[in-house]
């Protein structure tokens, strides 16, 4: 099970100036160790999934070794499972700024969002409206497209300014028939950080629900669901140094009102009512260990370090005439995730060139169809996505910049 890290551990990850001791941070991630032949990989594919700490690996192994049992049984290993799950549920609620009894564990964010969308069928009818944005990953668009198709509702779109990578908030419109306003906390494609306030205010003005995709934001920026007034928020632990799994955080009153698909013997109340079948308990243990790590490092330290990486990368890009950045040019308005294209080279060719230099990153649309469409890149191979997190350093940034410069 996830081990609790003492508060004194935090000081060991900071240097005398209060900034991250990068080598100590990196030592927690086995995948970041040099290969046997001395190669050091730059895992710049972090927006698609981060590396995990040794604590996560051990927590998952320890659960399977010492406590493996289904829940709600009258024996020791089952009781240990229940205790672990509730402890992690509380930790997740704290991390997201949600409710202890509103945390639902699932396979992934997309599956949980589909599950919720079907439960909203009874609340949406012909002539109603659902608001979505053109900045979102398709996991925060397709479930609502299908909800509209099933119920006869229509979609209102919040448009994206391709020149800045920010949403045109003057296209955020609601009416008395609006039932849902869905938006991202940050763009998985462009790195744009989104202020939830305009979306929450618009939804509240007409009594609509809000749904926030926090998958990309979770490893980079503090989340405060309750304080922000967000009804439902979803994210994926494998994007914040944990295992492949999904999390949905919702107002418990809302979860109680809706009727999810479930088998008859499943609980009739509480978040377990929303979990179809047996949970992946070893993954939940790993989630707890990932959150221990984040708490230990501290989101303030993570944010400050990542801002320095963003500034360094943006400054370096400014000197590469062949490289085009898609998204906000200001480090303060973004995460350290960058979509770029290189003149004379397809995104796939650029990604292959980087891979040859032990730099791993994605090329394509990364399920962000609408942003790529708005940028005019969807049918031209998309873009190259380069993403850093707090375990990267200046050397990693410089290696990527040099590899891009070699193409120009």
Protein backbone atom coordinates (compact mmCIF):
# COMPACT_ATOMS: atom_id res chain seq x y z
CA UNK A 1 0.00 0.00 0.00
CA UNK A 2 1.07 3.60 -0.50
CA UNK A 3 3.62 4.58 2.05
CA UNK A 4 3.21 7.92 3.75
CA UNK A 5 6.25 10.15 3.25
CA UNK A 6 7.34 12.20 6.23
CA UNK A 7 7.15 15.97 5.98
CA UNK A 8 10.90 16.15 6.51
CA UNK A 9 11.37 14.41 3.16
CA UNK A 10 10.34 17.54 1.30
CA UNK A 11 13.44 19.44 2.40
CA UNK A 12 15.62 16.74 0.84
CA UNK A 13 14.14 17.53 -2.58
CA UNK A 14 14.91 21.26 -2.37
CA UNK A 15 18.29 22.95 -2.49
CA UNK A 16 19.41 25.80 -0.24
CA UNK A 17 17.62 28.29 -2.48
CA UNK A 18 14.32 26.42 -2.09
CA UNK A 19 14.26 25.15 -5.67
CA UNK A 20 14.05 21.53 -6.77
CA UNK A 21 17.11 19.34 -6.34
CA UNK A 22 16.64 17.78 -9.76
CA UNK A 23 18.97 14.82 -9.29
CA UNK A 24 17.18 13.78 -6.10
CA UNK A 25 13.82 14.10 -7.85
CA UNK A 26 15.01 12.08 -10.85
CA UNK A 27 16.40 9.39 -8.57
CA UNK A 28 12.82 8.52 -7.64
CA UNK A 29 12.03 7.54 -11.25
CA UNK A 30 13.72 4.29 -12.30
CA UNK A 31 13.02 4.91 -15.99
CA UNK A 32 15.14 8.08 -15.87
CA UNK A 33 18.35 6.27 -14.96
CA UNK A 34 20.92 6.08 -17.77
CA UNK A 35 20.71 2.92 -19.88
CA UNK A 36 23.43 0.26 -19.45
CA UNK A 37 25.32 1.77 -22.40
CA UNK A 38 25.19 5.23 -20.84
CA UNK A 39 22.40 6.73 -22.94
CA UNK A 40 20.05 9.14 -21.19
CA UNK A 41 16.57 9.25 -22.66
CA UNK A 42 14.59 12.49 -22.73
CA UNK A 43 11.04 11.32 -22.08
CA UNK A 44 9.41 14.32 -23.71
CA UNK A 45 6.26 12.24 -24.26
CA UNK A 46 5.06 13.19 -20.76
CA UNK A 47 1.70 14.65 -21.94
CA UNK A 48 0.83 11.17 -23.19
CA UNK A 49 1.85 9.57 -19.91
CA UNK A 50 4.53 10.32 -17.33
CA UNK A 51 7.07 7.96 -15.82
CA UNK A 52 6.30 6.53 -12.37
CA UNK A 53 8.20 6.68 -9.12
CA UNK A 54 9.76 3.70 -7.40
CA UNK A 55 7.23 4.40 -4.64
CA UNK A 56 4.37 3.76 -7.07
CA UNK A 57 5.95 0.51 -8.24
CA UNK A 58 6.51 -0.65 -4.68
CA UNK A 59 3.00 0.34 -3.53
CA UNK A 60 1.42 -1.68 -6.31
CA UNK A 61 3.71 -4.66 -5.69
CA UNK A 62 3.19 -4.50 -1.92
CA UNK A 63 -0.57 -4.45 -2.32
CA UNK A 64 -0.54 -7.51 -4.57
CA UNK A 65 1.97 -9.28 -2.34
CA UNK A 66 0.55 -8.51 1.10
CA UNK A 67 -3.07 -7.35 0.86
CA UNK A 68 -4.55 -8.72 -2.35
CA UNK A 69 -8.28 -9.30 -1.78
CA UNK A 70 -11.64 -8.03 -2.93
CA UNK A 71 -13.36 -5.38 -0.84
CA UNK A 72 -15.96 -5.48 1.93
CA UNK A 73 -15.08 -8.93 3.25
CA UNK A 74 -14.88 -10.04 6.85
CA UNK A 75 -11.18 -10.92 6.91
CA UNK A 76 -7.88 -9.08 7.28
CA UNK A 77 -6.73 -8.62 3.68
CA UNK A 78 -10.16 -7.43 2.59
CA UNK A 79 -10.27 -4.98 5.48
CA UNK A 80 -6.81 -3.75 4.48
CA UNK A 81 -8.08 -3.19 0.94
CA UNK A 82 -11.01 -1.14 2.23
CA UNK A 83 -8.73 0.95 4.43
CA UNK A 84 -6.33 1.59 1.56
CA UNK A 85 -9.12 2.58 -0.85
CA UNK A 86 -10.66 5.04 1.58
CA UNK A 87 -7.26 6.53 2.39
CA UNK A 88 -6.47 7.07 -1.27
CA UNK A 89 -9.96 8.44 -1.91
CA UNK A 90 -9.32 11.09 0.75
CA UNK A 91 -5.91 11.90 -0.76
CA UNK A 92 -7.44 12.27 -4.23
CA UNK A 93 -10.14 14.58 -2.89
CA UNK A 94 -7.47 16.75 -1.29
CA UNK A 95 -5.41 16.83 -4.48
CA UNK A 96 -8.37 17.82 -6.66
CA UNK A 97 -10.05 20.05 -4.11
CA UNK A 98 -13.11 17.80 -4.25
CA UNK A 99 -15.20 15.71 -1.88
CA UNK A 100 -14.05 12.57 -0.03
CA UNK A 101 -17.32 10.83 -0.85
CA UNK A 102 -17.39 12.08 -4.44
CA UNK A 103 -14.29 10.28 -5.81
CA UNK A 104 -14.97 7.52 -8.35
CA UNK A 105 -12.17 5.19 -9.49
CA UNK A 106 -12.28 3.83 -13.02
CA UNK A 107 -10.39 2.43 -15.97
CA UNK A 108 -9.57 5.82 -17.48
CA UNK A 109 -10.97 9.32 -17.78
CA UNK A 110 -12.63 8.62 -21.12
CA UNK A 111 -14.57 5.60 -19.84
CA UNK A 112 -15.72 7.50 -16.75
CA UNK A 113 -16.88 10.42 -18.90
CA UNK A 114 -18.87 8.11 -21.18
CA UNK A 115 -20.42 6.52 -18.09
CA UNK A 116 -21.49 9.91 -16.76
CA UNK A 117 -22.82 11.02 -20.14
CA UNK A 118 -25.22 8.07 -20.24
CA UNK A 119 -26.43 8.90 -16.75
CA UNK A 120 -27.31 12.39 -18.01
CA UNK A 121 -29.71 11.05 -20.66
CA UNK A 122 -32.65 11.57 -18.32
CA UNK A 123 -31.70 15.23 -17.77
CA UNK A 124 -31.36 16.19 -21.43
CA UNK A 125 -34.12 16.34 -24.04
CA UNK A 126 -34.78 17.56 -27.56
CA UNK A 127 -34.15 21.29 -27.86
CA UNK A 128 -31.67 21.40 -24.97
CA UNK A 129 -28.09 22.58 -25.46
CA UNK A 130 -24.64 21.34 -24.47
CA UNK A 131 -21.60 23.64 -24.56
CA UNK A 132 -18.19 22.28 -25.61
CA UNK A 133 -14.93 23.90 -26.70
CA UNK A 134 -12.64 23.55 -29.69
CA UNK A 135 -9.62 23.34 -27.37
CA UNK A 136 -10.56 19.99 -25.85
CA UNK A 137 -9.29 16.44 -26.12
CA UNK A 138 -11.98 14.35 -27.77
CA UNK A 139 -12.76 12.64 -24.45
CA UNK A 140 -14.47 15.89 -23.48
CA UNK A 141 -16.27 16.24 -26.80
CA UNK A 142 -17.38 12.86 -28.18
CA UNK A 143 -19.35 11.78 -25.08
CA UNK A 144 -21.35 15.01 -25.33
CA UNK A 145 -21.76 14.67 -29.10
CA UNK A 146 -23.30 11.26 -28.52
CA UNK A 147 -25.43 12.54 -25.64
CA UNK A 148 -26.80 15.19 -28.02
CA UNK A 149 -27.44 12.57 -30.70
CA UNK A 150 -29.27 10.26 -28.27
CA UNK A 151 -31.46 12.99 -26.83
CA UNK A 152 -32.00 15.43 -29.70
CA UNK A 153 -30.04 18.19 -27.99
CA UNK A 154 -27.73 20.55 -29.89
CA UNK A 155 -24.16 21.67 -29.32
CA UNK A 156 -22.85 25.17 -28.87
CA UNK A 157 -19.13 25.57 -29.55
CA UNK A 158 -16.64 27.86 -27.86
CA UNK A 159 -14.18 28.72 -30.62
CA UNK A 160 -10.39 28.68 -30.56
CA UNK A 161 -8.15 31.49 -31.74
CA UNK A 162 -5.48 29.63 -33.74
CA UNK A 163 -3.10 32.60 -33.53
CA UNK A 164 -2.89 32.54 -29.73
CA UNK A 165 -4.06 29.04 -28.77
CA UNK A 166 -6.65 30.57 -26.44
CA UNK A 167 -10.41 30.29 -26.48
CA UNK A 168 -12.61 33.08 -27.85
CA UNK A 169 -14.63 33.68 -24.69
CA UNK A 170 -16.98 35.97 -26.60
CA UNK A 171 -18.29 32.79 -28.27
CA UNK A 172 -19.19 31.26 -24.88
CA UNK A 173 -22.97 31.48 -24.96
CA UNK A 174 -25.67 29.82 -22.84
CA UNK A 175 -29.43 29.93 -22.66
CA UNK A 176 -32.28 28.69 -20.51
CA UNK A 177 -32.02 25.39 -22.42
CA UNK A 178 -28.30 24.83 -21.64
CA UNK A 179 -27.86 21.69 -19.54
CA UNK A 180 -24.07 21.23 -19.53
CA UNK A 181 -20.95 23.36 -19.99
CA UNK A 182 -17.82 21.26 -20.64
CA UNK A 183 -14.33 22.75 -20.76
CA UNK A 184 -10.66 21.84 -20.19
CA UNK A 185 -8.46 22.96 -17.31
CA UNK A 186 -5.58 22.92 -19.80
CA UNK A 187 -5.06 21.79 -23.38
CA UNK A 188 -3.30 18.48 -23.90
CA UNK A 189 -2.30 19.66 -27.37
CA UNK A 190 -1.23 23.29 -26.96
CA UNK A 191 -0.55 23.59 -23.24
CA UNK A 192 -3.02 26.46 -22.85
CA UNK A 193 -4.20 26.91 -19.25
CA UNK A 194 -7.90 27.77 -19.01
CA UNK A 195 -9.57 29.90 -16.34
CA UNK A 196 -12.66 27.99 -15.15
CA UNK A 197 -14.48 31.08 -13.87
CA UNK A 198 -16.16 32.20 -17.15
CA UNK A 199 -17.49 28.69 -17.77
CA UNK A 200 -18.72 28.18 -14.22
CA UNK A 201 -20.33 31.62 -14.13
CA UNK A 202 -22.08 31.02 -17.45
CA UNK A 203 -23.36 27.61 -16.34
CA UNK A 204 -24.58 28.88 -12.97
CA UNK A 205 -26.46 31.73 -14.63
CA UNK A 206 -28.79 29.19 -16.25
CA UNK A 207 -28.59 26.29 -13.78
CA UNK A 208 -26.42 24.07 -16.01
CA UNK A 209 -23.86 21.50 -14.87
CA UNK A 210 -20.13 22.02 -15.38
CA UNK A 211 -17.70 19.31 -16.44
CA UNK A 212 -13.95 19.92 -16.42
CA UNK A 213 -11.32 17.76 -18.12
CA UNK A 214 -8.32 18.15 -15.80
CA UNK A 215 -6.21 15.36 -17.32
CA UNK A 216 -3.51 17.61 -18.71
CA UNK A 217 -3.62 20.17 -15.90
CA UNK A 218 -3.21 17.74 -12.99
CA UNK A 219 0.59 17.32 -13.04
CA UNK A 220 1.21 21.03 -13.66
CA UNK A 221 -1.21 23.34 -11.82
CA UNK A 222 -3.06 23.21 -8.48
CA UNK A 223 -6.70 22.12 -8.79
CA UNK A 224 -9.48 23.48 -6.59
CA UNK A 225 -12.73 21.96 -7.78
CA UNK A 226 -15.02 22.94 -4.92
CA UNK A 227 -13.66 26.47 -4.61
CA UNK A 228 -14.01 26.93 -8.37
CA UNK A 229 -17.61 25.69 -8.31
CA UNK A 230 -17.05 22.82 -10.76
CA UNK A 231 -19.68 20.07 -10.51
CA UNK A 232 -17.68 17.25 -12.11
CA UNK A 233 -13.95 16.99 -12.79
CA UNK A 234 -12.05 14.06 -14.31
CA UNK A 235 -8.38 13.20 -14.71
CA UNK A 236 -5.95 10.33 -15.27
CA UNK A 237 -3.28 9.28 -12.71
CA UNK A 238 -0.92 8.04 -15.42
CA UNK A 239 -0.51 11.68 -16.41
CA UNK A 240 0.68 12.57 -12.88
CA UNK A 241 3.30 9.89 -12.22
CA UNK A 242 0.89 7.08 -11.32
CA UNK A 243 -0.56 3.97 -12.95
CA UNK A 244 -3.02 3.70 -15.82
CA UNK A 245 -6.40 4.48 -14.26
CA UNK A 246 -9.07 7.16 -14.22
CA UNK A 247 -10.56 9.45 -11.59
CA UNK A 248 -13.87 11.27 -11.53
CA UNK A 249 -14.65 13.78 -8.80
CA UNK A 250 -18.22 15.02 -8.41
CA UNK A 251 -20.49 16.71 -5.95
CA UNK A 252 -21.85 13.76 -3.93
CA UNK A 253 -25.35 15.23 -4.13
CA UNK A 254 -25.16 15.07 -7.92
CA UNK A 255 -23.89 11.48 -7.88
CA UNK A 256 -26.82 10.55 -5.64
CA UNK A 257 -29.38 12.19 -7.93
CA UNK A 258 -28.23 10.50 -11.14
CA UNK A 259 -28.92 6.87 -12.04
CA UNK A 260 -25.79 5.18 -13.43
CA UNK A 261 -25.72 1.86 -15.21
CA UNK A 262 -24.83 -0.82 -12.68
CA UNK A 263 -25.45 -4.43 -11.78
CA UNK A 264 -28.25 -5.05 -9.28
CA UNK A 265 -26.10 -6.15 -6.31
CA UNK A 266 -23.86 -3.08 -6.55
CA UNK A 267 -24.23 -0.43 -3.82
CA UNK A 268 -27.17 1.91 -4.09
CA UNK A 269 -25.30 4.90 -2.71
CA UNK A 270 -21.82 6.35 -2.46
CA UNK A 271 -19.09 6.51 -5.12
CA UNK A 272 -18.85 2.70 -5.35
CA UNK A 273 -22.27 2.82 -6.99
CA UNK A 274 -20.56 4.38 -10.01
CA UNK A 275 -17.75 1.83 -10.28
CA UNK A 276 -18.84 -0.91 -12.65
CA UNK A 277 -17.36 -4.15 -11.42
CA UNK A 278 -14.36 -4.73 -9.20
CA UNK A 279 -11.89 -1.87 -8.94
CA UNK A 280 -8.23 -2.30 -9.84
CA UNK A 281 -7.03 -2.12 -6.25
CA UNK A 282 -3.32 -2.29 -7.03
CA UNK A 283 -3.74 0.77 -9.28
CA UNK A 284 -5.51 2.61 -6.47
CA UNK A 285 -2.55 1.83 -4.21
CA UNK A 286 -0.28 3.26 -6.90
CA UNK A 287 -2.39 6.40 -7.15
CA UNK A 288 -1.87 6.96 -3.45
CA UNK A 289 1.90 6.68 -3.84
CA UNK A 290 1.87 9.10 -6.79
CA UNK A 291 0.02 11.63 -4.66
CA UNK A 292 2.50 11.10 -1.83
CA UNK A 293 5.23 12.07 -4.27
CA UNK A 294 3.41 15.19 -5.49
CA UNK A 295 2.66 16.26 -1.92
CA UNK A 296 6.28 15.69 -1.01
CA UNK A 297 7.61 17.81 -3.87
CA UNK A 298 4.89 20.47 -3.60
CA UNK A 299 2.89 22.04 -6.40
CA UNK A 300 4.52 25.44 -5.80
CA UNK A 301 7.97 23.99 -6.39
CA UNK A 302 6.70 22.03 -9.39
CA UNK A 303 5.14 25.15 -10.88
CA UNK A 304 8.22 27.30 -10.40
CA UNK A 305 10.50 24.67 -11.92
CA UNK A 306 8.24 24.06 -14.90
CA UNK A 307 7.93 27.79 -15.58
CA UNK A 308 11.72 27.98 -15.83
CA UNK A 309 11.70 25.08 -18.31
CA UNK A 310 8.98 26.78 -20.37
CA UNK A 311 10.83 30.07 -20.50
CA UNK A 312 14.03 28.33 -21.56
CA UNK A 313 12.27 26.38 -24.30
CA UNK A 314 10.33 29.40 -25.59
CA UNK A 315 13.48 31.51 -25.63
CA UNK A 316 15.28 28.78 -27.57
CA UNK A 317 12.46 28.42 -30.09
CA UNK A 318 12.57 32.14 -30.83
CA UNK A 319 15.92 31.60 -32.51
CA UNK A 320 14.76 28.72 -34.73
CA UNK A 321 13.28 30.29 -37.85
CA UNK A 322 12.12 26.95 -39.30
CA UNK A 323 10.11 26.00 -36.21
CA UNK A 324 6.56 27.25 -35.62
CA UNK A 325 5.04 27.15 -32.14
CA UNK A 326 1.29 26.58 -31.94
CA UNK A 327 -0.15 27.88 -28.70
CA UNK A 328 0.48 30.65 -26.17
CA UNK A 329 3.94 32.23 -26.49
CA UNK A 330 3.94 33.29 -22.82
CA UNK A 331 5.14 30.80 -20.19
CA UNK A 332 2.69 32.19 -17.63
CA UNK A 333 -0.30 31.17 -19.76
CA UNK A 334 0.68 27.58 -20.43
CA UNK A 335 2.01 24.29 -19.20
CA UNK A 336 5.42 23.08 -20.47
CA UNK A 337 3.71 21.23 -23.34
CA UNK A 338 4.47 22.52 -26.82
CA UNK A 339 3.01 21.74 -30.25
CA UNK A 340 5.46 22.61 -33.00
CA UNK A 341 5.86 22.12 -36.71
CA UNK A 342 9.14 22.33 -38.66
CA UNK A 343 9.24 23.76 -42.16
CA UNK A 344 10.12 21.16 -44.76
CA UNK A 345 9.53 18.18 -42.49
CA UNK A 346 6.36 16.28 -41.60
CA UNK A 347 5.56 15.87 -37.89
CA UNK A 348 6.23 12.14 -38.19
CA UNK A 349 9.66 12.85 -39.68
CA UNK A 350 10.49 15.29 -36.90
CA UNK A 351 9.43 12.80 -34.21
CA UNK A 352 11.56 10.10 -35.86
CA UNK A 353 14.54 12.49 -36.00
CA UNK A 354 14.14 13.20 -32.27
CA UNK A 355 13.75 9.51 -31.45
CA UNK A 356 17.05 8.80 -33.23
CA UNK A 357 18.60 11.18 -30.70
CA UNK A 358 16.95 9.43 -27.72
CA UNK A 359 14.24 12.07 -27.41
CA UNK A 360 10.79 10.53 -27.22
CA UNK A 361 7.73 12.55 -28.22
CA UNK A 362 4.47 12.24 -30.12
CA UNK A 363 3.44 13.40 -33.56
CA UNK A 364 -0.15 13.64 -34.79
CA UNK A 365 -3.34 14.97 -33.23
CA UNK A 366 -3.14 13.17 -29.83
CA UNK A 367 -6.95 12.90 -29.83
CA UNK A 368 -7.25 16.69 -29.92
CA UNK A 369 -9.13 16.78 -33.21
CA UNK A 370 -10.76 20.18 -32.80
CA UNK A 371 -7.59 22.11 -31.90
CA UNK A 372 -5.76 20.54 -34.83
CA UNK A 373 -8.68 21.34 -37.13
CA UNK A 374 -8.73 24.97 -35.95
CA UNK A 375 -4.99 25.25 -36.58
CA UNK A 376 -5.37 23.78 -40.08
CA UNK A 377 -3.09 20.87 -39.17
CA UNK A 378 -5.52 17.97 -38.82
CA UNK A 379 -5.07 16.66 -42.36
CA UNK A 380 -1.36 17.49 -42.60
CA UNK A 381 -0.07 15.13 -39.94
CA UNK A 382 -0.89 17.30 -36.94
CA UNK A 383 2.08 18.60 -34.97
CA UNK A 384 4.97 17.38 -32.85
CA UNK A 385 4.13 17.50 -29.14
CA UNK A 386 7.06 18.04 -26.78
CA UNK A 387 6.19 17.91 -23.10
CA UNK A 388 8.21 18.47 -19.95
CA UNK A 389 7.35 17.88 -16.29
CA UNK A 390 9.17 18.53 -13.03
CA UNK A 391 11.64 15.67 -13.51
CA UNK A 392 13.09 17.36 -16.60
CA UNK A 393 15.90 19.87 -16.48
CA UNK A 394 17.69 22.49 -18.55
CA UNK A 395 19.84 19.81 -20.21
CA UNK A 396 16.71 18.04 -21.47
CA UNK A 397 15.34 21.29 -22.89
CA UNK A 398 18.64 22.09 -24.59
CA UNK A 399 18.88 18.64 -26.15
CA UNK A 400 15.44 19.05 -27.71
CA UNK A 401 16.27 22.53 -28.97
CA UNK A 402 19.52 21.34 -30.53
CA UNK A 403 17.77 18.43 -32.23
CA UNK A 404 15.21 20.82 -33.70
CA UNK A 405 17.95 23.21 -34.77
CA UNK A 406 19.69 20.38 -36.60
CA UNK A 407 16.63 20.09 -38.86
CA UNK A 408 16.76 23.76 -39.83
